[in-house]
Protein backbone atom coordinates (compact mmCIF):
# COMPACT_ATOMS: atom_id res chain seq x y z
CA MET A 1 3.93 -19.65 -25.62
CA SER A 2 2.37 -21.30 -22.57
CA LEU A 3 4.84 -21.88 -19.72
CA SER A 4 4.70 -24.78 -17.40
CA LYS A 5 4.20 -24.41 -13.71
CA THR A 6 7.79 -25.57 -13.19
CA ARG A 7 9.21 -23.15 -15.77
CA THR A 8 7.25 -20.15 -14.23
CA SER A 9 8.29 -21.05 -10.76
CA PHE A 10 12.07 -21.27 -11.77
CA TYR A 11 11.92 -18.05 -13.83
CA ARG A 12 10.15 -16.24 -10.78
CA ARG A 13 12.68 -17.52 -8.37
CA LEU A 14 15.54 -16.33 -10.79
CA TYR A 15 13.81 -12.84 -11.29
CA VAL A 16 13.23 -12.40 -7.37
CA ALA A 17 16.99 -13.21 -6.62
CA HIS A 18 18.09 -10.71 -9.39
CA LEU A 19 15.90 -8.16 -7.80
CA VAL A 20 17.42 -8.80 -4.41
CA ALA A 21 20.67 -8.52 -5.75
CA THR A 22 20.17 -5.28 -7.38
CA GLY A 23 18.60 -3.53 -4.50
CA THR A 24 14.82 -4.38 -4.63
CA ALA A 25 15.33 -6.37 -1.56
CA SER A 26 12.29 -6.25 0.73
CA VAL A 27 8.96 -7.95 0.52
CA PRO A 28 7.02 -4.61 -0.08
CA ALA A 29 9.49 -3.70 -2.88
CA ILE A 30 9.30 -6.99 -4.61
CA THR A 31 5.61 -6.79 -4.57
CA VAL A 32 5.64 -3.37 -6.12
CA ALA A 33 8.20 -4.47 -8.68
CA THR A 34 6.36 -7.54 -9.76
CA GLY A 35 2.69 -7.24 -8.80
CA MET A 36 2.73 -10.57 -7.09
CA PRO A 37 0.95 -10.94 -3.96
CA ARG A 38 2.82 -10.49 -0.55
CA ARG A 39 2.52 -14.21 0.33
CA THR A 40 3.88 -15.26 -3.16
CA ALA A 41 6.79 -12.97 -2.64
CA GLN A 42 7.47 -14.37 0.86
CA ASP A 43 7.09 -18.04 -0.50
CA THR A 44 9.44 -17.15 -3.54
CA LEU A 45 12.14 -15.81 -1.28
CA GLY A 46 11.76 -18.70 0.83
CA ALA A 47 12.11 -21.20 -1.97
CA LEU A 48 15.34 -19.87 -3.31
CA GLY A 49 17.14 -22.27 -1.08
CA GLU A 50 15.72 -24.97 -3.30
CA LEU A 51 17.91 -23.73 -6.09
CA ASP A 52 20.82 -23.66 -3.74
CA ILE A 53 20.62 -19.76 -3.65
CA ARG A 54 21.46 -18.66 -0.16
CA CYS A 55 19.35 -15.78 0.66
CA GLU A 56 19.17 -14.20 4.06
CA PHE A 57 17.07 -11.56 5.67
CA GLU A 58 18.96 -8.67 7.60
CA HIS A 59 17.03 -7.00 10.16
CA GLN A 60 17.61 -3.33 10.35
CA PRO A 61 19.35 -2.21 13.64
CA GLY A 62 16.88 -0.20 15.72
CA GLU A 63 13.86 -1.17 13.87
CA ARG A 64 11.00 -2.96 15.46
CA HIS A 65 9.35 -6.24 13.96
CA ASN A 66 10.60 -7.49 10.69
CA ILE A 67 12.05 -4.31 9.13
CA GLY A 68 14.86 -5.06 6.87
CA THR A 69 16.04 -6.35 3.49
CA TYR A 70 17.27 -9.60 1.97
CA VAL A 71 20.70 -10.28 0.81
CA ILE A 72 21.93 -13.04 -1.77
CA ARG A 73 24.93 -14.52 0.22
CA ASP A 74 25.58 -17.29 -2.46
CA TRP A 75 24.14 -17.95 -5.90
CA GLY A 76 24.99 -21.83 -5.56
CA PRO A 77 25.05 -23.34 -9.38
CA ILE A 78 23.25 -20.26 -10.72
CA ASP A 79 25.25 -17.84 -12.81
CA PRO A 80 24.17 -14.32 -11.62
CA ALA A 81 25.69 -12.82 -14.74
CA TRP A 82 23.25 -14.91 -16.99
CA VAL A 83 20.24 -14.06 -14.82
CA ALA A 84 21.18 -10.34 -14.96
CA ALA A 85 21.82 -10.55 -18.83
CA HIS A 86 18.34 -12.29 -19.21
CA ALA A 87 16.33 -10.54 -16.41
CA GLU A 88 14.38 -8.37 -18.85
CA ARG A 89 13.31 -11.38 -20.87
CA LEU A 90 12.33 -13.24 -17.46
CA ARG A 91 10.21 -10.17 -16.44
CA ASP A 92 8.46 -9.92 -19.81
CA THR A 93 7.86 -13.69 -19.88
CA LEU A 94 6.37 -13.59 -16.39
CA GLY A 95 4.15 -10.59 -17.19
CA TYR A 96 5.67 -8.31 -14.56
CA PRO A 97 5.81 -4.46 -15.08
CA PRO A 98 8.92 -2.65 -16.48
CA ARG A 99 11.23 -1.52 -13.73
CA PRO A 100 11.35 2.32 -13.27
């Protein structure tokens, strides 16, 4: 099945939000988990707000530069239980590697 760019983008955002919510919450960790380029991971995190998912960066105290993790503060209209239940299908559809 060929996915439209709109659906692929939507699935990618849902899956990245799921990763953040389950502890894969930094850009380097997301790139490892998905194989996506760093810039795509950053853009995807930034685009979560377009779905009304409030994702915020938390700087780690005492660390220099942008060392920290992301946190989902509010899922907006998205049901996180649905995303969690379908995360494997989203991952497979997007062609991302299995999680360890």
